[in-house]
Structure formats: C-alpha cells, structure tokens
PDB file of N, CA and C in Angstrom:
ATOM      1  N   MET A   1      41.455 241.688 218.163  1.00  0.00           N
ATOM      2  CA  MET A   1      40.476 240.631 218.426  1.00  0.00           C
ATOM      3  C   MET A   1      39.049 241.259 218.464  1.00  0.00           C
ATOM      4  N   PRO A   2      38.081 240.630 217.758  1.00  0.00           N
ATOM      5  CA  PRO A   2      36.734 241.212 217.772  1.00  0.00           C
ATOM      6  C   PRO A   2      36.076 241.097 219.163  1.00  0.00           C
ATOM      7  N   ASN A   3      35.151 241.993 219.375  1.00  0.00           N
ATOM      8  CA  ASN A   3      34.392 241.999 220.604  1.00  0.00           C
ATOM      9  C   ASN A   3      33.298 240.908 220.478  1.00  0.00           C
ATOM     10  N   ILE A   4      33.384 239.863 221.204  1.00  0.00           N
ATOM     11  CA  ILE A   4      32.394 238.734 221.123  1.00  0.00           C
ATOM     12  C   ILE A   4      31.530 238.826 222.360  1.00  0.00           C
ATOM     13  N   ARG A   5      30.210 238.810 222.129  1.00  0.00           N
ATOM     14  CA  ARG A   5      29.241 238.912 223.182  1.00  0.00           C
ATOM     15  C   ARG A   5      28.522 237.552 223.334  1.00  0.00           C
ATOM     16  N   ALA A   6      28.454 237.055 224.528  1.00  0.00           N
ATOM     17  CA  ALA A   6      27.731 235.786 224.782  1.00  0.00           C
ATOM     18  C   ALA A   6      26.218 236.032 224.813  1.00  0.00           C
ATOM     19  N   VAL A   7      25.464 235.122 224.230  1.00  0.00           N
ATOM     20  CA  VAL A   7      24.015 235.231 224.272  1.00  0.00           C
ATOM     21  C   VAL A   7      23.550 234.422 225.456  1.00  0.00           C
ATOM     22  N   ARG A   8      22.715 235.021 226.288  1.00  0.00           N
ATOM     23  CA  ARG A   8      22.254 234.356 227.529  1.00  0.00           C
ATOM     24  C   ARG A   8      20.716 234.228 227.472  1.00  0.00           C
ATOM     25  N   LEU A   9      20.244 233.131 228.016  1.00  0.00           N
ATOM     26  CA  LEU A   9      18.820 232.930 228.139  1.00  0.00           C
ATOM     27  C   LEU A   9      18.326 233.737 229.328  1.00  0.00           C
ATOM     28  N   PRO A  10      17.056 234.068 229.303  1.00  0.00           N
ATOM     29  CA  PRO A  10      16.489 234.771 230.474  1.00  0.00           C
ATOM     30  C   PRO A  10      16.712 233.947 231.761  1.00  0.00           C
ATOM     31  N   SER A  11      16.847 234.632 232.863  1.00  0.00           N
ATOM     32  CA  SER A  11      17.180 233.914 234.101  1.00  0.00           C
ATOM     33  C   SER A  11      16.109 232.870 234.495  1.00  0.00           C
ATOM     34  N   ASP A  12      14.843 233.112 234.046  1.00  0.00           N
ATOM     35  CA  ASP A  12      13.774 232.137 234.410  1.00  0.00           C
ATOM     36  C   ASP A  12      13.727 230.981 233.397  1.00  0.00           C
ATOM     37  N   GLY A  13      14.564 231.044 232.340  1.00  0.00           N
ATOM     38  CA  GLY A  13      14.590 229.951 231.369  1.00  0.00           C
ATOM     39  C   GLY A  13      13.509 230.000 230.331  1.00  0.00           C
ATOM     40  N   ASN A  14      12.615 231.002 230.408  1.00  0.00           N
ATOM     41  CA  ASN A  14      11.536 231.101 229.424  1.00  0.00           C
ATOM     42  C   ASN A  14      11.967 231.966 228.244  1.00  0.00           C
ATOM     43  N   ILE A  15      11.716 231.438 227.060  1.00  0.00           N
ATOM     44  CA  ILE A  15      11.994 232.160 225.833  1.00  0.00           C
ATOM     45  C   ILE A  15      10.670 232.582 225.229  1.00  0.00           C
ATOM     46  N   GLU A  16      10.538 233.830 224.881  1.00  0.00           N
ATOM     47  CA  GLU A  16       9.327 234.302 224.230  1.00  0.00           C
ATOM     48  C   GLU A  16       9.278 233.862 222.775  1.00  0.00           C
ATOM     49  N   ARG A  17       8.116 233.425 222.341  1.00  0.00           N
ATOM     50  CA  ARG A  17       7.914 232.963 220.970  1.00  0.00           C
ATOM     51  C   ARG A  17       6.979 233.946 220.313  1.00  0.00           C
ATOM     52  N   GLY A  18       6.948 233.884 218.967  1.00  0.00           N
ATOM     53  CA  GLY A  18       6.041 234.727 218.201  1.00  0.00           C
ATOM     54  C   GLY A  18       4.649 234.239 218.380  1.00  0.00           C
ATOM     55  N   GLU A  19       3.727 234.945 217.637  1.00  0.00           N
ATOM     56  CA  GLU A  19       2.320 234.550 217.678  1.00  0.00           C
ATOM     57  C   GLU A  19       2.106 233.127 217.195  1.00  0.00           C
ATOM     58  N   ALA A  20       1.200 232.398 217.785  1.00  0.00           N
ATOM     59  CA  ALA A  20       0.882 231.025 217.379  1.00  0.00           C
ATOM     60  C   ALA A  20       0.120 231.104 216.027  1.00  0.00           C
ATOM     61  N   VAL A  21       0.467 230.205 215.124  1.00  0.00           N
ATOM     62  CA  VAL A  21      -0.204 230.110 213.823  1.00  0.00           C
ATOM     63  C   VAL A  21      -0.519 228.686 213.515  1.00  0.00           C
ATOM     64  N   LYS A  22      -1.491 228.395 212.698  1.00  0.00           N
ATOM     65  CA  LYS A  22      -1.814 227.087 212.238  1.00  0.00           C
ATOM     66  C   LYS A  22      -1.288 226.906 210.822  1.00  0.00           C
ATOM     67  N   ILE A  23      -0.564 225.813 210.597  1.00  0.00           N
ATOM     68  CA  ILE A  23      -0.044 225.473 209.268  1.00  0.00           C
ATOM     69  C   ILE A  23      -0.517 224.046 208.958  1.00  0.00           C
ATOM     70  N   THR A  24      -0.395 223.628 207.714  1.00  0.00           N
ATOM     71  CA  THR A  24      -0.731 222.283 207.344  1.00  0.00           C
ATOM     72  C   THR A  24       0.534 221.628 206.796  1.00  0.00           C
ATOM     73  N   ILE A  25       0.900 220.487 207.292  1.00  0.00           N
ATOM     74  CA  ILE A  25       2.052 219.683 206.812  1.00  0.00           C
ATOM     75  C   ILE A  25       1.564 218.407 206.312  1.00  0.00           C
ATOM     76  N   ASN A  26       1.691 218.120 205.042  1.00  0.00           N
ATOM     77  CA  ASN A  26       1.228 216.898 204.412  1.00  0.00           C
ATOM     78  C   ASN A  26      -0.255 216.589 204.772  1.00  0.00           C
ATOM     79  N   GLY A  27      -1.067 217.620 204.784  1.00  0.00           N
ATOM     80  CA  GLY A  27      -2.511 217.448 205.031  1.00  0.00           C
ATOM     81  C   GLY A  27      -2.890 217.441 206.527  1.00  0.00           C
ATOM     82  N   VAL A  28      -1.969 217.555 207.424  1.00  0.00           N
ATOM     83  CA  VAL A  28      -2.247 217.503 208.853  1.00  0.00           C
ATOM     84  C   VAL A  28      -2.045 218.911 209.458  1.00  0.00           C
ATOM     85  N   ILE A  29      -3.016 219.416 210.168  1.00  0.00           N
ATOM     86  CA  ILE A  29      -2.896 220.731 210.789  1.00  0.00           C
ATOM     87  C   ILE A  29      -1.880 220.637 211.935  1.00  0.00           C
ATOM     88  N   ALA A  30      -0.997 221.652 211.995  1.00  0.00           N
ATOM     89  CA  ALA A  30       0.052 221.654 213.011  1.00  0.00           C
ATOM     90  C   ALA A  30       0.123 223.094 213.574  1.00  0.00           C
ATOM     91  N   ASN A  31       0.705 223.212 214.785  1.00  0.00           N
ATOM     92  CA  ASN A  31       0.916 224.504 215.425  1.00  0.00           C
ATOM     93  C   ASN A  31       2.346 224.924 215.117  1.00  0.00           C
ATOM     94  N   ALA A  32       2.556 226.207 214.912  1.00  0.00           N
ATOM     95  CA  ALA A  32       3.855 226.772 214.736  1.00  0.00           C
ATOM     96  C   ALA A  32       3.820 228.205 215.313  1.00  0.00           C
ATOM     97  N   TYR A  33       4.942 228.874 215.254  1.00  0.00           N
ATOM     98  CA  TYR A  33       5.011 230.228 215.792  1.00  0.00           C
ATOM     99  C   TYR A  33       5.731 231.143 214.844  1.00  0.00           C
ATOM    100  N   GLU A  34       5.193 232.328 214.650  1.00  0.00           N
ATOM    101  CA  GLU A  34       5.860 233.315 213.811  1.00  0.00           C
ATOM    102  C   GLU A  34       7.291 233.461 214.240  1.00  0.00           C
ATOM    103  N   GLY A  35       8.174 233.556 213.272  1.00  0.00           N
ATOM    104  CA  GLY A  35       9.628 233.635 213.570  1.00  0.00           C
ATOM    105  C   GLY A  35      10.314 232.293 213.479  1.00  0.00           C
ATOM    106  N   GLU A  36       9.557 231.226 213.347  1.00  0.00           N
ATOM    107  CA  GLU A  36      10.165 229.913 213.147  1.00  0.00           C
ATOM    108  C   GLU A  36      10.292 229.608 211.670  1.00  0.00           C
ATOM    109  N   SER A  37      11.254 228.848 211.307  1.00  0.00           N
ATOM    110  CA  SER A  37      11.380 228.404 209.920  1.00  0.00           C
ATOM    111  C   SER A  37      10.464 227.214 209.662  1.00  0.00           C
ATOM    112  N   VAL A  38      10.152 227.006 208.413  1.00  0.00           N
ATOM    113  CA  VAL A  38       9.381 225.805 208.049  1.00  0.00           C
ATOM    114  C   VAL A  38      10.126 224.556 208.497  1.00  0.00           C
ATOM    115  N   ALA A  39      11.419 224.554 208.314  1.00  0.00           N
ATOM    116  CA  ALA A  39      12.221 223.370 208.760  1.00  0.00           C
ATOM    117  C   ALA A  39      12.057 223.126 210.239  1.00  0.00           C
ATOM    118  N   GLY A  40      12.142 224.187 211.064  1.00  0.00           N
ATOM    119  CA  GLY A  40      11.986 224.054 212.495  1.00  0.00           C
ATOM    120  C   GLY A  40      10.596 223.549 212.868  1.00  0.00           C
ATOM    121  N   ALA A  41       9.570 224.069 212.232  1.00  0.00           N
ATOM    122  CA  ALA A  41       8.236 223.614 212.514  1.00  0.00           C
ATOM    123  C   ALA A  41       8.047 222.162 212.129  1.00  0.00           C
ATOM    124  N   MET A  42       8.602 221.762 210.997  1.00  0.00           N
ATOM    125  CA  MET A  42       8.486 220.357 210.568  1.00  0.00           C
ATOM    126  C   MET A  42       9.221 219.420 211.525  1.00  0.00           C
ATOM    127  N   MET A  43      10.365 219.819 212.007  1.00  0.00           N
ATOM    128  CA  MET A  43      11.127 218.974 212.949  1.00  0.00           C
ATOM    129  C   MET A  43      10.368 218.905 214.255  1.00  0.00           C
ATOM    130  N   CYS A  44       9.754 219.982 214.719  1.00  0.00           N
ATOM    131  CA  CYS A  44       8.884 219.926 215.931  1.00  0.00           C
ATOM    132  C   CYS A  44       7.774 218.922 215.796  1.00  0.00           C
ATOM    133  N   GLU A  45       7.324 218.717 214.599  1.00  0.00           N
ATOM    134  CA  GLU A  45       6.240 217.770 214.323  1.00  0.00           C
ATOM    135  C   GLU A  45       6.775 216.344 214.028  1.00  0.00           C
ATOM    136  N   GLY A  46       8.047 216.163 214.217  1.00  0.00           N
ATOM    137  CA  GLY A  46       8.687 214.824 214.055  1.00  0.00           C
ATOM    138  C   GLY A  46       9.006 214.477 212.601  1.00  0.00           C
ATOM    139  N   ILE A  47       9.020 215.467 211.720  1.00  0.00           N
ATOM    140  CA  ILE A  47       9.324 215.189 210.298  1.00  0.00           C
ATOM    141  C   ILE A  47      10.759 215.649 210.041  1.00  0.00           C
ATOM    142  N   SER A  48      11.674 214.714 209.895  1.00  0.00           N
ATOM    143  CA  SER A  48      13.091 215.061 209.618  1.00  0.00           C
ATOM    144  C   SER A  48      13.421 214.866 208.164  1.00  0.00           C
ATOM    145  N   ALA A  49      12.658 214.028 207.439  1.00  0.00           N
ATOM    146  CA  ALA A  49      12.891 213.785 205.993  1.00  0.00           C
ATOM    147  C   ALA A  49      11.939 214.716 205.252  1.00  0.00           C
ATOM    148  N   MET A  50      12.487 215.775 204.669  1.00  0.00           N
ATOM    149  CA  MET A  50      11.661 216.777 204.035  1.00  0.00           C
ATOM    150  C   MET A  50      11.471 216.500 202.531  1.00  0.00           C
ATOM    151  N   ARG A  51      12.406 215.729 202.006  1.00  0.00           N
ATOM    152  CA  ARG A  51      12.294 215.322 200.618  1.00  0.00           C
ATOM    153  C   ARG A  51      13.027 214.007 200.444  1.00  0.00           C
ATOM    154  N   THR A  52      12.873 213.365 199.293  1.00  0.00           N
ATOM    155  CA  THR A  52      13.699 212.246 198.944  1.00  0.00           C
ATOM    156  C   THR A  52      14.433 212.531 197.665  1.00  0.00           C
ATOM    157  N   THR A  53      15.486 211.792 197.435  1.00  0.00           N
ATOM    158  CA  THR A  53      16.159 211.906 196.143  1.00  0.00           C
ATOM    159  C   THR A  53      15.398 211.113 195.115  1.00  0.00           C
ATOM    160  N   VAL A  54      15.786 211.197 193.881  1.00  0.00           N
ATOM    161  CA  VAL A  54      15.124 210.417 192.805  1.00  0.00           C
ATOM    162  C   VAL A  54      15.191 208.918 193.149  1.00  0.00           C
ATOM    163  N   ALA A  55      16.279 208.529 193.803  1.00  0.00           N
ATOM    164  CA  ALA A  55      16.475 207.106 194.187  1.00  0.00           C
ATOM    165  C   ALA A  55      15.675 206.718 195.434  1.00  0.00           C
ATOM    166  N   GLY A  56      15.073 207.713 196.128  1.00  0.00           N
ATOM    167  CA  GLY A  56      14.244 207.456 197.300  1.00  0.00           C
ATOM    168  C   GLY A  56      14.954 207.609 198.605  1.00  0.00           C
ATOM    169  N   ASP A  57      16.181 208.136 198.597  1.00  0.00           N
ATOM    170  CA  ASP A  57      16.913 208.376 199.815  1.00  0.00           C
ATOM    171  C   ASP A  57      16.406 209.648 200.540  1.00  0.00           C
ATOM    172  N   PRO A  58      16.141 209.576 201.871  1.00  0.00           N
ATOM    173  CA  PRO A  58      15.604 210.738 202.609  1.00  0.00           C
ATOM    174  C   PRO A  58      16.654 211.846 202.716  1.00  0.00           C
ATOM    175  N   ARG A  59      16.132 213.103 202.674  1.00  0.00           N
ATOM    176  CA  ARG A  59      16.950 214.292 202.868  1.00  0.00           C
ATOM    177  C   ARG A  59      16.225 215.220 203.786  1.00  0.00           C
ATOM    178  N   GLY A  60      16.996 215.964 204.607  1.00  0.00           N
ATOM    179  CA  GLY A  60      16.403 216.908 205.534  1.00  0.00           C
ATOM    180  C   GLY A  60      17.351 218.077 205.696  1.00  0.00           C
ATOM    181  N   VAL A  61      17.312 218.762 206.824  1.00  0.00           N
ATOM    182  CA  VAL A  61      18.132 219.893 207.108  1.00  0.00           C
ATOM    183  C   VAL A  61      19.596 219.387 207.227  1.00  0.00           C
ATOM    184  N   PHE A  62      20.489 220.037 206.440  1.00  0.00           N
ATOM    185  CA  PHE A  62      21.899 219.675 206.533  1.00  0.00           C
ATOM    186  C   PHE A  62      22.657 220.894 206.994  1.00  0.00           C
ATOM    187  N   CYS A  63      22.625 221.956 206.206  1.00  0.00           N
ATOM    188  CA  CYS A  63      23.399 223.155 206.575  1.00  0.00           C
ATOM    189  C   CYS A  63      22.582 224.151 207.424  1.00  0.00           C
ATOM    190  N   GLY A  64      21.266 224.217 207.237  1.00  0.00           N
ATOM    191  CA  GLY A  64      20.416 225.130 208.000  1.00  0.00           C
ATOM    192  C   GLY A  64      20.530 226.555 207.627  1.00  0.00           C
ATOM    193  N   MET A  65      21.267 226.889 206.508  1.00  0.00           N
ATOM    194  CA  MET A  65      21.430 228.267 206.120  1.00  0.00           C
ATOM    195  C   MET A  65      21.225 228.508 204.621  1.00  0.00           C
ATOM    196  N   GLY A  66      20.543 227.574 203.939  1.00  0.00           N
ATOM    197  CA  GLY A  66      20.150 227.780 202.562  1.00  0.00           C
ATOM    198  C   GLY A  66      21.233 227.529 201.522  1.00  0.00           C
ATOM    199  N   VAL A  67      22.336 226.873 201.880  1.00  0.00           N
ATOM    200  CA  VAL A  67      23.396 226.628 200.894  1.00  0.00           C
ATOM    201  C   VAL A  67      23.241 225.281 200.234  1.00  0.00           C
ATOM    202  N   CYS A  68      22.816 224.255 200.977  1.00  0.00           N
ATOM    203  CA  CYS A  68      22.881 222.857 200.416  1.00  0.00           C
ATOM    204  C   CYS A  68      21.668 222.397 199.650  1.00  0.00           C
ATOM    205  N   PHE A  69      20.510 222.995 199.797  1.00  0.00           N
ATOM    206  CA  PHE A  69      19.285 222.607 199.095  1.00  0.00           C
ATOM    207  C   PHE A  69      18.806 221.199 199.412  1.00  0.00           C
ATOM    208  N   GLU A  70      19.140 220.658 200.586  1.00  0.00           N
ATOM    209  CA  GLU A  70      18.701 219.329 200.973  1.00  0.00           C
ATOM    210  C   GLU A  70      17.271 219.368 201.560  1.00  0.00           C
ATOM    211  N   CYS A  71      16.811 220.496 202.041  1.00  0.00           N
ATOM    212  CA  CYS A  71      15.512 220.583 202.755  1.00  0.00           C
ATOM    213  C   CYS A  71      14.392 221.154 201.852  1.00  0.00           C
ATOM    214  N   LEU A  72      14.417 220.818 200.565  1.00  0.00           N
ATOM    215  CA  LEU A  72      13.422 221.341 199.640  1.00  0.00           C
ATOM    216  C   LEU A  72      12.062 220.746 199.934  1.00  0.00           C
ATOM    217  N   VAL A  73      11.028 221.646 199.998  1.00  0.00           N
ATOM    218  CA  VAL A  73       9.661 221.235 200.187  1.00  0.00           C
ATOM    219  C   VAL A  73       8.774 222.058 199.297  1.00  0.00           C
ATOM    220  N   SER A  74       7.512 221.721 199.218  1.00  0.00           N
ATOM    221  CA  SER A  74       6.515 222.544 198.508  1.00  0.00           C
ATOM    222  C   SER A  74       5.815 223.404 199.525  1.00  0.00           C
ATOM    223  N   VAL A  75       5.765 224.704 199.319  1.00  0.00           N
ATOM    224  CA  VAL A  75       5.114 225.618 200.226  1.00  0.00           C
ATOM    225  C   VAL A  75       4.042 226.401 199.421  1.00  0.00           C
ATOM    226  N   ASP A  76       2.822 226.218 199.801  1.00  0.00           N
ATOM    227  CA  ASP A  76       1.689 226.864 199.107  1.00  0.00           C
ATOM    228  C   ASP A  76       1.749 226.626 197.572  1.00  0.00           C
ATOM    229  N   GLY A  77       2.119 225.398 197.206  1.00  0.00           N
ATOM    230  CA  GLY A  77       2.163 225.015 195.798  1.00  0.00           C
ATOM    231  C   GLY A  77       3.459 225.366 195.074  1.00  0.00           C
ATOM    232  N   ILE A  78       4.359 226.061 195.734  1.00  0.00           N
ATOM    233  CA  ILE A  78       5.633 226.398 195.115  1.00  0.00           C
ATOM    234  C   ILE A  78       6.678 225.348 195.515  1.00  0.00           C
ATOM    235  N   THR A  79       7.070 224.554 194.523  1.00  0.00           N
ATOM    236  CA  THR A  79       8.019 223.481 194.776  1.00  0.00           C
ATOM    237  C   THR A  79       9.445 223.958 194.925  1.00  0.00           C
ATOM    238  N   ASN A  80      10.287 223.102 195.476  1.00  0.00           N
ATOM    239  CA  ASN A  80      11.707 223.361 195.647  1.00  0.00           C
ATOM    240  C   ASN A  80      11.990 224.603 196.500  1.00  0.00           C
ATOM    241  N   THR A  81      11.162 224.774 197.539  1.00  0.00           N
ATOM    242  CA  THR A  81      11.374 225.868 198.488  1.00  0.00           C
ATOM    243  C   THR A  81      12.228 225.429 199.606  1.00  0.00           C
ATOM    244  N   ARG A  82      13.269 226.177 199.960  1.00  0.00           N
ATOM    245  CA  ARG A  82      14.170 225.785 201.040  1.00  0.00           C
ATOM    246  C   ARG A  82      13.451 226.000 202.389  1.00  0.00           C
ATOM    247  N   ALA A  83      13.178 224.901 203.117  1.00  0.00           N
ATOM    248  CA  ALA A  83      12.510 224.962 204.374  1.00  0.00           C
ATOM    249  C   ALA A  83      13.251 225.685 205.408  1.00  0.00           C
ATOM    250  N   CYS A  84      14.553 225.702 205.385  1.00  0.00           N
ATOM    251  CA  CYS A  84      15.370 226.325 206.400  1.00  0.00           C
ATOM    252  C   CYS A  84      15.378 227.847 206.223  1.00  0.00           C
ATOM    253  N   MET A  85      14.993 228.356 205.039  1.00  0.00           N
ATOM    254  CA  MET A  85      15.069 229.778 204.775  1.00  0.00           C
ATOM    255  C   MET A  85      13.648 230.428 204.646  1.00  0.00           C
ATOM    256  N   THR A  86      12.595 229.633 204.923  1.00  0.00           N
ATOM    257  CA  THR A  86      11.240 230.138 204.769  1.00  0.00           C
ATOM    258  C   THR A  86      10.554 230.209 206.138  1.00  0.00           C
ATOM    259  N   TRP A  87      10.002 231.371 206.428  1.00  0.00           N
ATOM    260  CA  TRP A  87       9.352 231.566 207.735  1.00  0.00           C
ATOM    261  C   TRP A  87       7.904 231.127 207.657  1.00  0.00           C
ATOM    262  N   VAL A  88       7.395 230.522 208.701  1.00  0.00           N
ATOM    263  CA  VAL A  88       6.001 230.061 208.724  1.00  0.00           C
ATOM    264  C   VAL A  88       5.108 231.291 208.784  1.00  0.00           C
ATOM    265  N   LYS A  89       3.889 231.095 208.257  1.00  0.00           N
ATOM    266  CA  LYS A  89       2.852 232.104 208.375  1.00  0.00           C
ATOM    267  C   LYS A  89       1.495 231.394 208.434  1.00  0.00           C
ATOM    268  N   GLU A  90       0.529 232.071 208.954  1.00  0.00           N
ATOM    269  CA  GLU A  90      -0.828 231.516 209.151  1.00  0.00           C
ATOM    270  C   GLU A  90      -1.342 230.915 207.872  1.00  0.00           C
ATOM    271  N   GLY A  91      -1.861 229.682 207.987  1.00  0.00           N
ATOM    272  CA  GLY A  91      -2.489 229.012 206.841  1.00  0.00           C
ATOM    273  C   GLY A  91      -1.578 228.432 205.789  1.00  0.00           C
ATOM    274  N   MET A  92      -0.304 228.503 206.020  1.00  0.00           N
ATOM    275  CA  MET A  92       0.682 227.933 205.052  1.00  0.00           C
ATOM    276  C   MET A  92       0.449 226.434 204.853  1.00  0.00           C
ATOM    277  N   GLU A  93       0.538 225.977 203.604  1.00  0.00           N
ATOM    278  CA  GLU A  93       0.425 224.571 203.305  1.00  0.00           C
ATOM    279  C   GLU A  93       1.793 224.044 202.799  1.00  0.00           C
ATOM    280  N   ILE A  94       2.308 223.058 203.588  1.00  0.00           N
ATOM    281  CA  ILE A  94       3.627 222.541 203.296  1.00  0.00           C
ATOM    282  C   ILE A  94       3.502 221.083 202.965  1.00  0.00           C
ATOM    283  N   ARG A  95       4.279 220.643 201.957  1.00  0.00           N
ATOM    284  CA  ARG A  95       4.258 219.244 201.565  1.00  0.00           C
ATOM    285  C   ARG A  95       5.714 218.778 201.325  1.00  0.00           C
ATOM    286  N   THR A  96       6.021 217.591 201.800  1.00  0.00           N
ATOM    287  CA  THR A  96       7.328 217.002 201.477  1.00  0.00           C
ATOM    288  C   THR A  96       7.382 216.660 200.019  1.00  0.00           C
ATOM    289  N   GLN A  97       8.585 216.537 199.447  1.00  0.00           N
ATOM    290  CA  GLN A  97       8.742 216.281 198.034  1.00  0.00           C
ATOM    291  C   GLN A  97       9.419 214.934 197.807  1.00  0.00           C
ATOM    292  N   ASN A  98       9.080 214.351 196.685  1.00  0.00           N
ATOM    293  CA  ASN A  98       9.810 213.121 196.221  1.00  0.00           C
ATOM    294  C   ASN A  98      10.614 213.555 195.033  1.00  0.00           C
ATOM    295  N   GLY A  99      11.963 213.584 195.211  1.00  0.00           N
ATOM    296  CA  GLY A  99      12.841 214.035 194.149  1.00  0.00           C
ATOM    297  C   GLY A  99      12.767 215.519 193.922  1.00  0.00           C
ATOM    298  N   LEU A 100      13.577 215.996 192.963  1.00  0.00           N
ATOM    299  CA  LEU A 100      13.513 217.401 192.551  1.00  0.00           C
ATOM    300  C   LEU A 100      12.316 217.597 191.688  1.00  0.00           C
ATOM    301  N   GLN A 101      11.494 218.601 192.021  1.00  0.00           N
ATOM    302  CA  GLN A 101      10.268 218.832 191.249  1.00  0.00           C
ATOM    303  C   GLN A 101      10.552 219.905 190.177  1.00  0.00           C
ATOM    304  N   VAL A 102      10.016 219.624 188.997  1.00  0.00           N
ATOM    305  CA  VAL A 102      10.124 220.577 187.915  1.00  0.00           C
ATOM    306  C   VAL A 102       8.748 221.122 187.588  1.00  0.00           C
ATOM    307  N   ASP A 103       8.600 222.463 187.795  1.00  0.00           N
ATOM    308  CA  ASP A 103       7.327 223.082 187.467  1.00  0.00           C
ATOM    309  C   ASP A 103       7.156 223.157 185.977  1.00  0.00           C
ATOM    310  N   LYS A 104       5.894 222.922 185.521  1.00  0.00           N
ATOM    311  CA  LYS A 104       5.638 222.902 184.080  1.00  0.00           C
ATOM    312  C   LYS A 104       4.955 224.170 183.702  1.00  0.00           C
TER     313      LYS A 104
END
C-alpha cells in the first residue's frame, strides 16, 4: 500500500498566496494572484461560462486538468487557450470566447 500523506491547512487557517497582479477579463480590470490559474481567477470574478458552443451553450471548467477543452478562452490574443492550465501574470488580457475560434 502506498504511503499517503494528508495535506493540512495552517493551524491559523491562513493560506499564503502569491504576489497580487492586475489582469483584465473582458475589458474589466480584476485582481488575481501569481500561482492561480486563469480559470480560478475568472471564477473568483463570478465568471463561470468561459466560452460558448457554436449553438450558444455555455461552457466552463469541467475537468480542471486540461483534458476536456471546455474552458477555452483568449489570453493575450491567443485563442483556444485552456484557462485551467494557464497561470495568471501581471497585465494579462483574458476574453471569453464564442464557439471554437480559428486563427487566420
């Protein structure tokens, strides 16, 4: 049987976060922290629908590990970026997508 170790929160309940950064989500400046994913930052801002299907159905984080491609967004002009696999950085510009985007 493998050695399984439980992860415990600090006794005071405080979790340290990375440095605070400013990002832009759909034209609105938002706060995020280094070490957070784009998906996490978007959900903290109340955005759960990160893209829509061609038919207009909302899609967001499903697997959270980059397998399903449901959380595709545009990051700094690069479309079809997996929000769950992309870490925030200072000045990042994020936009939700309508359908699958094809770069020309």
